[in-house]
Amino acid sequence: MTKNGIHTLDETLQVANQWLKELNLAMGWDDGNRSYRLLRATLHALRDRLPAHEAVHLGAQLPMLIRGLYYDGWQMRESPSSERSRDAFLAHIEAAFKQDPNADPEALVRKVFAFLAGKISAGEIGDVDDTELKVLDAPTKQARRKRFYQAWAILLVSTGVGILGGFLFSTVLLFAGFGLAFGRRENGVKNMIVAISMTVLVYVVFGRIMAVPLLDGVLW
């Protein structure tokens, strides 16, 4: 124990206060209670829209007192809330600020998510990304739509090339296309090596061992 109490409790109280101070700063506020209400409402809205295992995983990333705040009133269930629309999410935040007519729920939530992104591990944010975090972010929605069309374009082009020149060409285009379109830029060389390696593997297994005609196409 410390002079003022149990060391672990003193430390977790300091961490929780630090979180609220940093959120206060990020919001441009000078009101800890307001930041507390915002963090609580956002975490609860997010928690209730996650499957149980992802909600627990997210909770494990939070400091002890913030974790208690996060779990307060939670009823564990396998299926998340059916209210997964953007408006339903924002309504939860708006309810916490009904006495504050100047509050913009969407702007508040975006700032909280940006704050959490700096606090929670990248892997966990990846899990959360499939919830309203992306629904609220228009640029991210556009990016997801772009990736969807890119994936279909790669599949269609690869299939067309495969019909014209043979399955092996389709394979290399498929792996290389996905590697370039969806891989990190700094991993471009690695992705190309993987694409070529997979193509060689396909050629050896199907072309050499199983004698599948991988280079038979319409053009020859």
Foldseek 3Di string as FASTA:
>chain_A
DDPVDDPLVVVLVVVVVVLLVVLCVLVVHDDSVVSVLLLLLLLQLLLLQAFQVLSVVQLVLDGDVSSCSSCVPDDHDRHGDPPQAPVVSLVSNCVSVVVPVPDDSLVSNLSVLVSVCVRGDPVSVVRSCVGCNQVSPVVSVVVVVVVVVLLVVQQVVLVVCCQAFFNLSSQLSNQLSCCVSPNDPVCNVVSNVVSVVVSVVCCCVCCVVVVDPGGDHPND
